[in-house]
Structures are given as structure tokens and as C-alpha cells.
C-alpha atoms as a PDB file:
ATOM      1  CA  MET A   1      82.734 247.049 129.968  1.00  0.00           C
ATOM      2  CA  SER A   2      84.211 250.447 130.652  1.00  0.00           C
ATOM      3  CA  VAL A   3      86.238 252.346 128.065  1.00  0.00           C
ATOM      4  CA  ALA A   4      88.358 253.584 130.968  1.00  0.00           C
ATOM      5  CA  HIS A   5      89.793 250.088 131.362  1.00  0.00           C
ATOM      6  CA  LEU A   6      91.877 250.705 128.250  1.00  0.00           C
ATOM      7  CA  VAL A   7      93.844 253.463 129.955  1.00  0.00           C
ATOM      8  CA  ASN A   8      95.828 250.734 131.677  1.00  0.00           C
ATOM      9  CA  SER A   9      96.194 248.697 128.483  1.00  0.00           C
ATOM     10  CA  ARG A  10      98.135 249.175 125.258  1.00  0.00           C
ATOM     11  CA  ILE A  11      96.563 249.377 121.832  1.00  0.00           C
ATOM     12  CA  ILE A  12      97.903 249.939 118.322  1.00  0.00           C
ATOM     13  CA  ASP A  13      95.848 252.165 116.036  1.00  0.00           C
ATOM     14  CA  THR A  14      96.452 250.141 112.881  1.00  0.00           C
ATOM     15  CA  HIS A  15      95.330 252.854 110.443  1.00  0.00           C
ATOM     16  CA  ILE A  16      95.410 256.589 111.123  1.00  0.00           C
ATOM     17  CA  HIS A  17      96.219 259.540 108.873  1.00  0.00           C
ATOM     18  CA  PHE A  18      98.256 261.317 111.519  1.00  0.00           C
ATOM     19  CA  ASP A  19      99.851 263.415 108.767  1.00  0.00           C
ATOM     20  CA  ASP A  20      96.502 264.941 107.772  1.00  0.00           C
ATOM     21  CA  ASP A  21      96.564 268.749 107.681  1.00  0.00           C
ATOM     22  CA  ARG A  22      93.553 268.833 110.017  1.00  0.00           C
ATOM     23  CA  PHE A  23      95.922 267.723 112.794  1.00  0.00           C
ATOM     24  CA  ASP A  24      98.485 270.467 112.098  1.00  0.00           C
ATOM     25  CA  PRO A  25      97.177 272.969 114.696  1.00  0.00           C
ATOM     26  CA  ASP A  26      97.255 270.556 117.666  1.00  0.00           C
ATOM     27  CA  ARG A  27      99.090 267.390 116.587  1.00  0.00           C
ATOM     28  CA  ALA A  28     101.279 267.229 119.712  1.00  0.00           C
ATOM     29  CA  SER A  29      98.303 267.389 122.074  1.00  0.00           C
ATOM     30  CA  ILE A  30      96.389 264.826 119.988  1.00  0.00           C
ATOM     31  CA  TYR A  31      99.385 262.502 120.281  1.00  0.00           C
ATOM     32  CA  GLN A  32      99.742 262.989 124.044  1.00  0.00           C
ATOM     33  CA  SER A  33      96.027 262.466 124.590  1.00  0.00           C
ATOM     34  CA  ALA A  34      96.182 259.214 122.630  1.00  0.00           C
ATOM     35  CA  ARG A  35      99.187 258.024 124.620  1.00  0.00           C
ATOM     36  CA  SER A  36      97.381 258.783 127.873  1.00  0.00           C
ATOM     37  CA  GLN A  37      94.513 256.571 126.671  1.00  0.00           C
ATOM     38  CA  GLY A  38      96.800 253.600 126.009  1.00  0.00           C
ATOM     39  CA  VAL A  39      97.629 254.101 122.330  1.00  0.00           C
ATOM     40  CA  CYS A  40     101.186 252.785 122.149  1.00  0.00           C
ATOM     41  CA  ALA A  41     101.612 252.898 118.362  1.00  0.00           C
ATOM     42  CA  MET A  42     100.057 254.230 115.173  1.00  0.00           C
ATOM     43  CA  VAL A  43     100.449 252.890 111.642  1.00  0.00           C
ATOM     44  CA  VAL A  44     100.306 255.947 109.373  1.00  0.00           C
ATOM     45  CA  PRO A  45      99.623 255.327 105.656  1.00  0.00           C
ATOM     46  CA  ALA A  46     100.552 257.789 102.952  1.00  0.00           C
ATOM     47  CA  THR A  47      98.124 258.436 100.097  1.00  0.00           C
ATOM     48  CA  ILE A  48     100.169 260.498  97.628  1.00  0.00           C
ATOM     49  CA  GLU A  49     103.878 260.880  96.893  1.00  0.00           C
ATOM     50  CA  SER A  50     104.070 264.399  98.321  1.00  0.00           C
ATOM     51  CA  ARG A  51     103.087 263.054 101.783  1.00  0.00           C
ATOM     52  CA  PHE A  52     105.929 260.528 102.003  1.00  0.00           C
ATOM     53  CA  THR A  53     108.412 262.974 103.505  1.00  0.00           C
ATOM     54  CA  LYS A  54     105.972 264.399 106.053  1.00  0.00           C
ATOM     55  CA  ILE A  55     105.091 260.961 107.378  1.00  0.00           C
ATOM     56  CA  GLN A  56     108.762 259.985 107.614  1.00  0.00           C
ATOM     57  CA  HIS A  57     109.384 263.164 109.612  1.00  0.00           C
ATOM     58  CA  LEU A  58     106.482 262.426 111.977  1.00  0.00           C
ATOM     59  CA  ALA A  59     107.921 258.966 112.601  1.00  0.00           C
ATOM     60  CA  THR A  60     111.162 260.515 113.828  1.00  0.00           C
ATOM     61  CA  GLN A  61     109.356 263.144 115.893  1.00  0.00           C
ATOM     62  CA  TYR A  62     106.761 260.935 117.619  1.00  0.00           C
ATOM     63  CA  PRO A  63     107.754 257.581 119.173  1.00  0.00           C
ATOM     64  CA  GLY A  64     105.473 254.755 118.149  1.00  0.00           C
ATOM     65  CA  VAL A  65     104.543 256.261 114.766  1.00  0.00           C
ATOM     66  CA  PHE A  66     105.226 253.737 111.993  1.00  0.00           C
ATOM     67  CA  PRO A  67     105.155 255.082 108.413  1.00  0.00           C
ATOM     68  CA  THR A  68     103.907 253.432 105.259  1.00  0.00           C
ATOM     69  CA  ALA A  69     103.961 254.706 101.682  1.00  0.00           C
ATOM     70  CA  GLY A  70     101.443 254.195  98.925  1.00  0.00           C
ATOM     71  CA  LEU A  71      99.439 255.705  96.085  1.00  0.00           C
ATOM     72  CA  HIS A  72      95.738 255.865  96.969  1.00  0.00           C
ATOM     73  CA  PRO A  73      93.126 255.089  94.280  1.00  0.00           C
ATOM     74  CA  MET A  74      91.090 258.209  95.027  1.00  0.00           C
ATOM     75  CA  PHE A  75      94.004 260.485  94.139  1.00  0.00           C
ATOM     76  CA  CYS A  76      95.057 259.223  90.726  1.00  0.00           C
ATOM     77  CA  ASP A  77      95.143 262.829  89.498  1.00  0.00           C
ATOM     78  CA  HIS A  78      98.102 263.356  91.854  1.00  0.00           C
ATOM     79  CA  HIS A  79     100.037 260.258  90.777  1.00  0.00           C
ATOM     80  CA  LEU A  80     102.720 259.932  88.122  1.00  0.00           C
ATOM     81  CA  PRO A  81     104.472 256.722  87.006  1.00  0.00           C
ATOM     82  CA  ALA A  82     107.699 258.201  88.408  1.00  0.00           C
ATOM     83  CA  HIS A  83     106.111 258.173  91.861  1.00  0.00           C
ATOM     84  CA  LEU A  84     106.310 254.385  91.782  1.00  0.00           C
ATOM     85  CA  ASP A  85     110.102 254.725  91.672  1.00  0.00           C
ATOM     86  CA  THR A  86     109.989 257.111  94.634  1.00  0.00           C
ATOM     87  CA  LEU A  87     107.782 254.627  96.455  1.00  0.00           C
ATOM     88  CA  ALA A  88     110.251 251.810  95.856  1.00  0.00           C
ATOM     89  CA  GLN A  89     113.101 253.950  97.175  1.00  0.00           C
ATOM     90  CA  THR A  90     111.098 254.905 100.279  1.00  0.00           C
ATOM     91  CA  LEU A  91     110.106 251.413 101.375  1.00  0.00           C
ATOM     92  CA  HIS A  92     113.222 250.673 103.443  1.00  0.00           C
ATOM     93  CA  ASN A  93     111.811 253.118 106.034  1.00  0.00           C
ATOM     94  CA  CYS A  94     108.231 251.809 105.824  1.00  0.00           C
ATOM     95  CA  VAL A  95     106.331 248.961 107.462  1.00  0.00           C
ATOM     96  CA  ALA A  96     103.928 248.508 104.528  1.00  0.00           C
ATOM     97  CA  ILE A  97     102.862 249.615 101.072  1.00  0.00           C
ATOM     98  CA  GLY A  98      99.695 251.645 101.155  1.00  0.00           C
ATOM     99  CA  GLU A  99      97.218 253.020 101.241  1.00  0.00           C
ATOM    100  CA  CYS A 100      96.525 251.528  97.837  1.00  0.00           C
ATOM    101  CA  GLY A 101      93.697 249.639  96.162  1.00  0.00           C
ATOM    102  CA  LEU A 102      90.550 250.414  94.182  1.00  0.00           C
ATOM    103  CA  ASP A 103      87.595 252.757  94.736  1.00  0.00           C
ATOM    104  CA  LYS A 104      84.370 252.581  92.716  1.00  0.00           C
ATOM    105  CA  SER A 105      82.402 255.132  94.725  1.00  0.00           C
ATOM    106  CA  ASP A 106      83.009 258.006  92.314  1.00  0.00           C
ATOM    107  CA  GLN A 107      81.695 257.703  88.773  1.00  0.00           C
ATOM    108  CA  GLN A 108      84.341 260.173  87.612  1.00  0.00           C
ATOM    109  CA  THR A 109      87.236 258.032  88.844  1.00  0.00           C
ATOM    110  CA  ASP A 110      89.462 256.490  86.165  1.00  0.00           C
ATOM    111  CA  LEU A 111      89.409 252.765  86.985  1.00  0.00           C
ATOM    112  CA  LYS A 112      92.041 252.025  84.359  1.00  0.00           C
ATOM    113  CA  GLN A 113      94.462 254.337  86.153  1.00  0.00           C
ATOM    114  CA  GLN A 114      93.497 252.858  89.521  1.00  0.00           C
ATOM    115  CA  ARG A 115      94.215 249.346  88.309  1.00  0.00           C
ATOM    116  CA  PHE A 116      97.548 250.430  86.848  1.00  0.00           C
ATOM    117  CA  TYR A 117      98.804 251.885  90.132  1.00  0.00           C
ATOM    118  CA  PHE A 118      97.333 249.125  92.283  1.00  0.00           C
ATOM    119  CA  GLY A 119      98.828 246.455  90.036  1.00  0.00           C
ATOM    120  CA  ALA A 120     102.228 248.126  90.173  1.00  0.00           C
ATOM    121  CA  GLN A 121     102.072 248.259  93.972  1.00  0.00           C
ATOM    122  CA  LEU A 122     101.115 244.581  94.120  1.00  0.00           C
ATOM    123  CA  GLU A 123     104.229 243.768  92.115  1.00  0.00           C
ATOM    124  CA  LEU A 124     106.306 245.998  94.374  1.00  0.00           C
ATOM    125  CA  ALA A 125     104.912 244.215  97.443  1.00  0.00           C
ATOM    126  CA  LYS A 126     106.061 240.927  95.965  1.00  0.00           C
ATOM    127  CA  THR A 127     109.545 242.239  95.182  1.00  0.00           C
ATOM    128  CA  ALA A 128     110.037 244.051  98.499  1.00  0.00           C
ATOM    129  CA  SER A 129     108.216 241.464 100.653  1.00  0.00           C
ATOM    130  CA  LYS A 130     106.116 244.191 102.249  1.00  0.00           C
ATOM    131  CA  PRO A 131     102.490 243.861 103.400  1.00  0.00           C
ATOM    132  CA  LEU A 132      99.761 245.928 101.764  1.00  0.00           C
ATOM    133  CA  ILE A 133      97.253 248.342 103.298  1.00  0.00           C
ATOM    134  CA  ILE A 134      94.310 248.127 100.922  1.00  0.00           C
ATOM    135  CA  HIS A 135      91.385 250.456 100.284  1.00  0.00           C
ATOM    136  CA  ALA A 136      88.450 248.656  98.633  1.00  0.00           C
ATOM    137  CA  ARG A 137      85.420 250.909  98.773  1.00  0.00           C
ATOM    138  CA  ASN A 138      82.627 249.464  96.621  1.00  0.00           C
ATOM    139  CA  ALA A 139      85.343 247.377  94.976  1.00  0.00           C
ATOM    140  CA  VAL A 140      85.963 244.334  97.164  1.00  0.00           C
ATOM    141  CA  GLU A 141      85.296 241.837  94.373  1.00  0.00           C
ATOM    142  CA  ASP A 142      87.604 243.682  91.962  1.00  0.00           C
ATOM    143  CA  VAL A 143      90.312 243.827  94.627  1.00  0.00           C
ATOM    144  CA  LEU A 144      89.876 240.122  95.370  1.00  0.00           C
ATOM    145  CA  LEU A 145      90.429 239.231  91.724  1.00  0.00           C
ATOM    146  CA  MET A 146      93.632 241.278  91.549  1.00  0.00           C
ATOM    147  CA  LEU A 147      94.919 239.833  94.820  1.00  0.00           C
ATOM    148  CA  LYS A 148      94.222 236.301  93.654  1.00  0.00           C
ATOM    149  CA  THR A 149      96.089 236.964  90.412  1.00  0.00           C
ATOM    150  CA  ALA A 150      99.021 238.556  92.250  1.00  0.00           C
ATOM    151  CA  ALA A 151      99.337 235.436  94.438  1.00  0.00           C
ATOM    152  CA  LEU A 152     101.480 236.999  97.151  1.00  0.00           C
ATOM    153  CA  SER A 153     102.926 234.536  99.645  1.00  0.00           C
ATOM    154  CA  ARG A 154     104.250 236.458 102.613  1.00  0.00           C
ATOM    155  CA  THR A 155     104.312 234.094 105.601  1.00  0.00           C
ATOM    156  CA  SER A 156     103.265 236.637 108.238  1.00  0.00           C
ATOM    157  CA  GLY A 157     100.414 237.982 106.112  1.00  0.00           C
ATOM    158  CA  ASN A 158     100.019 239.650 102.747  1.00  0.00           C
ATOM    159  CA  GLY A 159      98.192 242.710 103.983  1.00  0.00           C
ATOM    160  CA  VAL A 160      95.006 244.156 105.422  1.00  0.00           C
ATOM    161  CA  ILE A 161      91.755 245.414 103.926  1.00  0.00           C
ATOM    162  CA  HIS A 162      91.147 248.536 105.969  1.00  0.00           C
ATOM    163  CA  SER A 163      87.675 249.781 106.926  1.00  0.00           C
ATOM    164  CA  PHE A 164      86.169 246.622 105.466  1.00  0.00           C
ATOM    165  CA  ASN A 165      82.590 246.809 104.217  1.00  0.00           C
ATOM    166  CA  GLY A 166      82.223 243.719 102.042  1.00  0.00           C
ATOM    167  CA  SER A 167      80.300 240.517 102.633  1.00  0.00           C
ATOM    168  CA  LEU A 168      81.092 237.730 105.066  1.00  0.00           C
ATOM    169  CA  GLN A 169      81.888 235.441 102.137  1.00  0.00           C
ATOM    170  CA  GLN A 170      84.310 237.991 100.686  1.00  0.00           C
ATOM    171  CA  ALA A 171      85.959 238.407 104.082  1.00  0.00           C
ATOM    172  CA  HIS A 172      86.564 234.660 104.313  1.00  0.00           C
ATOM    173  CA  ARG A 173      88.001 234.599 100.780  1.00  0.00           C
ATOM    174  CA  LEU A 174      90.403 237.374 101.750  1.00  0.00           C
ATOM    175  CA  ILE A 175      91.375 235.533 104.927  1.00  0.00           C
ATOM    176  CA  ASP A 176      92.026 232.422 102.826  1.00  0.00           C
ATOM    177  CA  LEU A 177      94.454 234.539 100.762  1.00  0.00           C
ATOM    178  CA  ASN A 178      96.229 235.495 104.023  1.00  0.00           C
ATOM    179  CA  TYR A 179      94.859 239.018 104.379  1.00  0.00           C
ATOM    180  CA  ARG A 180      93.563 240.601 107.592  1.00  0.00           C
ATOM    181  CA  ILE A 181      90.253 242.459 107.916  1.00  0.00           C
ATOM    182  CA  SER A 182      90.179 245.802 109.743  1.00  0.00           C
ATOM    183  CA  PHE A 183      87.281 247.735 111.277  1.00  0.00           C
ATOM    184  CA  GLY A 184      86.961 251.208 112.764  1.00  0.00           C
ATOM    185  CA  GLY A 185      84.461 253.712 114.130  1.00  0.00           C
ATOM    186  CA  PRO A 186      81.470 252.590 112.024  1.00  0.00           C
ATOM    187  CA  ILE A 187      81.115 249.401 114.125  1.00  0.00           C
ATOM    188  CA  THR A 188      80.182 251.585 117.129  1.00  0.00           C
ATOM    189  CA  TYR A 189      76.919 252.646 115.440  1.00  0.00           C
ATOM    190  CA  PRO A 190      73.978 250.522 116.667  1.00  0.00           C
ATOM    191  CA  GLY A 191      72.386 250.697 113.219  1.00  0.00           C
ATOM    192  CA  ALA A 192      75.453 249.325 111.403  1.00  0.00           C
ATOM    193  CA  ARG A 193      74.037 245.797 111.494  1.00  0.00           C
ATOM    194  CA  LYS A 194      76.061 244.431 108.578  1.00  0.00           C
ATOM    195  CA  LEU A 195      79.408 245.609 109.954  1.00  0.00           C
ATOM    196  CA  ARG A 196      78.586 244.559 113.487  1.00  0.00           C
ATOM    197  CA  GLY A 197      77.524 241.150 112.196  1.00  0.00           C
ATOM    198  CA  LEU A 198      80.893 240.778 110.469  1.00  0.00           C
ATOM    199  CA  VAL A 199      82.738 241.506 113.702  1.00  0.00           C
ATOM    200  CA  GLU A 200      80.552 238.969 115.510  1.00  0.00           C
ATOM    201  CA  SER A 201      81.205 236.299 112.881  1.00  0.00           C
ATOM    202  CA  LEU A 202      84.883 236.661 111.988  1.00  0.00           C
ATOM    203  CA  PRO A 203      87.656 235.172 114.140  1.00  0.00           C
ATOM    204  CA  LEU A 204      89.735 237.580 116.214  1.00  0.00           C
ATOM    205  CA  GLU A 205      92.831 235.990 114.677  1.00  0.00           C
ATOM    206  CA  ALA A 206      91.878 237.598 111.357  1.00  0.00           C
ATOM    207  CA  MET A 207      90.875 241.076 112.568  1.00  0.00           C
ATOM    208  CA  MET A 208      92.550 244.364 113.396  1.00  0.00           C
ATOM    209  CA  PHE A 209      91.067 247.642 114.601  1.00  0.00           C
ATOM    210  CA  GLU A 210      91.687 251.247 113.562  1.00  0.00           C
ATOM    211  CA  THR A 211      90.364 254.789 113.711  1.00  0.00           C
ATOM    212  CA  ASP A 212      91.102 256.074 110.173  1.00  0.00           C
ATOM    213  CA  ALA A 213      91.290 259.448 111.946  1.00  0.00           C
ATOM    214  CA  PRO A 214      90.583 262.228 111.263  1.00  0.00           C
ATOM    215  CA  ASP A 215      87.791 260.524 109.283  1.00  0.00           C
ATOM    216  CA  GLN A 216      85.158 257.960 110.321  1.00  0.00           C
ATOM    217  CA  PRO A 217      84.448 259.026 113.923  1.00  0.00           C
ATOM    218  CA  GLY A 218      82.507 256.663 116.130  1.00  0.00           C
ATOM    219  CA  HIS A 219      78.905 257.017 117.258  1.00  0.00           C
ATOM    220  CA  ALA A 220      79.748 259.133 120.322  1.00  0.00           C
ATOM    221  CA  GLN A 221      81.737 261.613 118.192  1.00  0.00           C
ATOM    222  CA  ARG A 222      79.460 261.764 115.161  1.00  0.00           C
ATOM    223  CA  GLY A 223      80.192 264.896 113.128  1.00  0.00           C
ATOM    224  CA  MET A 224      83.471 265.575 114.952  1.00  0.00           C
ATOM    225  CA  ARG A 225      87.079 265.251 113.831  1.00  0.00           C
ATOM    226  CA  ASN A 226      88.125 261.722 114.702  1.00  0.00           C
ATOM    227  CA  GLU A 227      91.150 261.179 116.972  1.00  0.00           C
ATOM    228  CA  PRO A 228      93.395 258.196 117.760  1.00  0.00           C
ATOM    229  CA  ARG A 229      92.397 258.155 121.452  1.00  0.00           C
ATOM    230  CA  TRP A 230      88.943 256.988 120.382  1.00  0.00           C
ATOM    231  CA  ILE A 231      90.320 253.643 119.218  1.00  0.00           C
ATOM    232  CA  ASN A 232      89.314 252.511 122.710  1.00  0.00           C
ATOM    233  CA  GLN A 233      85.648 252.874 121.782  1.00  0.00           C
ATOM    234  CA  VAL A 234      86.161 250.713 118.706  1.00  0.00           C
ATOM    235  CA  ILE A 235      87.831 248.052 120.850  1.00  0.00           C
ATOM    236  CA  THR A 236      85.041 248.258 123.437  1.00  0.00           C
ATOM    237  CA  SER A 237      82.357 247.801 120.774  1.00  0.00           C
ATOM    238  CA  ALA A 238      84.233 244.860 119.262  1.00  0.00           C
ATOM    239  CA  ALA A 239      84.565 243.234 122.679  1.00  0.00           C
ATOM    240  CA  GLU A 240      80.827 243.560 123.272  1.00  0.00           C
ATOM    241  CA  LEU A 241      80.042 242.106 119.851  1.00  0.00           C
ATOM    242  CA  LYS A 242      82.465 239.214 120.362  1.00  0.00           C
ATOM    243  CA  GLN A 243      81.237 238.661 123.932  1.00  0.00           C
ATOM    244  CA  SER A 244      84.882 238.879 124.852  1.00  0.00           C
ATOM    245  CA  THR A 245      87.008 241.109 127.053  1.00  0.00           C
ATOM    246  CA  ILE A 246      88.595 244.391 126.038  1.00  0.00           C
ATOM    247  CA  THR A 247      92.001 242.920 126.839  1.00  0.00           C
ATOM    248  CA  GLN A 248      91.441 239.890 124.596  1.00  0.00           C
ATOM    249  CA  VAL A 249      90.309 242.023 121.644  1.00  0.00           C
ATOM    250  CA  ALA A 250      93.104 244.580 122.051  1.00  0.00           C
ATOM    251  CA  SER A 251      95.684 241.833 122.430  1.00  0.00           C
ATOM    252  CA  ALA A 252      94.497 240.005 119.305  1.00  0.00           C
ATOM    253  CA  SER A 253      94.542 243.194 117.228  1.00  0.00           C
ATOM    254  CA  ASN A 254      97.990 244.108 118.531  1.00  0.00           C
ATOM    255  CA  LYS A 255      99.424 240.660 117.823  1.00  0.00           C
ATOM    256  CA  ASN A 256      98.023 240.699 114.295  1.00  0.00           C
ATOM    257  CA  ALA A 257      99.451 244.167 113.625  1.00  0.00           C
ATOM    258  CA  ILE A 258     102.856 243.291 115.072  1.00  0.00           C
ATOM    259  CA  SER A 259     103.061 240.126 112.987  1.00  0.00           C
ATOM    260  CA  LEU A 260     101.780 241.709 109.764  1.00  0.00           C
ATOM    261  CA  PHE A 261     103.851 244.898 109.910  1.00  0.00           C
ATOM    262  CA  ASP A 262     106.887 243.386 111.671  1.00  0.00           C
ATOM    263  CA  LEU A 263     106.578 245.864 114.552  1.00  0.00           C
ATOM    264  CA  PRO A 264     108.582 245.570 117.779  1.00  0.00           C
ATOM    265  CA  GLU A 265     107.408 242.759 120.051  1.00  0.00           C
ATOM    266  CA  SER A 266     107.608 245.192 122.977  1.00  0.00           C
ATOM    267  CA  LEU A 267     104.326 246.702 121.773  1.00  0.00           C
ATOM    268  CA  LEU A 268     102.459 243.555 122.790  1.00  0.00           C
ATOM    269  CA  LEU A 269      99.702 244.155 125.310  1.00  0.00           C
ATOM    270  CA  GLY A 270     101.069 243.822 128.824  1.00  0.00           C
ATOM    271  CA  SER A 271     104.740 243.605 127.822  1.00  0.00           C
END
């Protein structure tokens, strides 16, 4: 299956930090290159309160950019309780709450603070009826427990665990709670057997695909700044693993993103 086939398709990058300062020198050309490769939309999550305004501005400047707002667990030193009020006031212009969640990869991270902000955002998701974009690095079980307690009940989906790296059993428990599972560049690495096995095993109806650019480049771009145009390589790898077509995988991811984030139906593949 040729990556070039995606040029004539449409694909949503369901998680990209298009606001990242590393894109400042050439953001317009990065955007145009992605569009030329079939990227019709990007969901852009905020990580700290000071990024909310920049992402909102990018959404007005670049068609197909959909902003979210959240307080990321890795940046608790940047967060204040007052930022939760700002977040609540920002949500009318956002398609989701996030990036939020828990991260246990850093021994210096204050888990009590992480749980406070994640818990507050879970409550806000319930009040505002917004889906969540969840970060769960080395913390899938902890996140699962908090999600189960929160008991969100949004018909079109409660959220997505981005860049998932948990177990197959955990993935199914999340799906049972009405959350989607998202994968990015790491599935393109031949040695990533666990991740590739997850993609093989999980139903397309529960999966979405992303770049997480400028981080997590795929195998062909190892060591480089990741870009949204390389979502096509993620889709191609997923199609090979699913023994499916590129169009089927892209279409499933698009439909899941459109339903979860309440995006325009016109973004559907082939419409």
C-alpha cells in the first residue's frame, strides 16, 4: 500500500500540538504541506493556560484547526486553581477538554496535584458535556480508576486516551467506558511489537490516529521534528496491521473523531 494514495484522501490528525514554538518559524508551510498530503483537519490540545489564546488564534487563522483547552499533568508547576475558571470560560470555543490526565514517568512529579487538576477537569467535562483528551503515561490503571469513578455518560463518547501504551485488557476496559484509543508514530516502528499488536487486536470502531507532532516521529523520520503530513504513514502502518485498506482505516478514524469531537460532517472521507 502506497503512502501516496492518501494524497487523494482526507484524514484528520486527531492530536497535534500545532501551537508548539518549534513550529513558529515555518508554521504556514507545515500547514500547507499537510493539506497537500490530505490532512483536512487537526485537533490541537492545549497543555497550560497560557497557550489557550494562541491555539484559539491559530483556529481562526488556519481552516480545519480545532482547538481544545486543558491542564496537562506534566506541567503542574504552571497551573493555578484559577486556571480552572479560565478553562471553563474557554470551553465554548473548544471541541474538547485536554490535554489532561496523569503521568507517572517522572519521580519528581506531584501526583497529588495531578489528581487534583485531572479530577477537576473530569467534573468540568461532566458539567460542560465535553469529551476529554487524556494523557496516561505509565498511569493507565490510575486513570481508569478515576474515569470509572467519574462515570461520564456522553452518548457520542467520553473521550480518547491519546498515544495509548497500556495493555489490551486495559484498552478493552476503556472502550467499555466509552473511550476511544489513539495511536501515533510509534506504531510505525517494526520493533514496537506491543503497540502493533494492540492495533491488530482492537476494533477500528474504537481507534483514532494522530501524530502528536512535533513529538513522536515515525520510523522513517526518527530523530526529526514530527509534522502533521506524516499522519499518512501512521494510517498506512495501521492498514497493514489490520490487513485493511488505507481508505477504510482513515475513514474509521475520521468518523470516530467527528463523532467524539462533534466536528463538521463535511470532513468525512470522500465527502
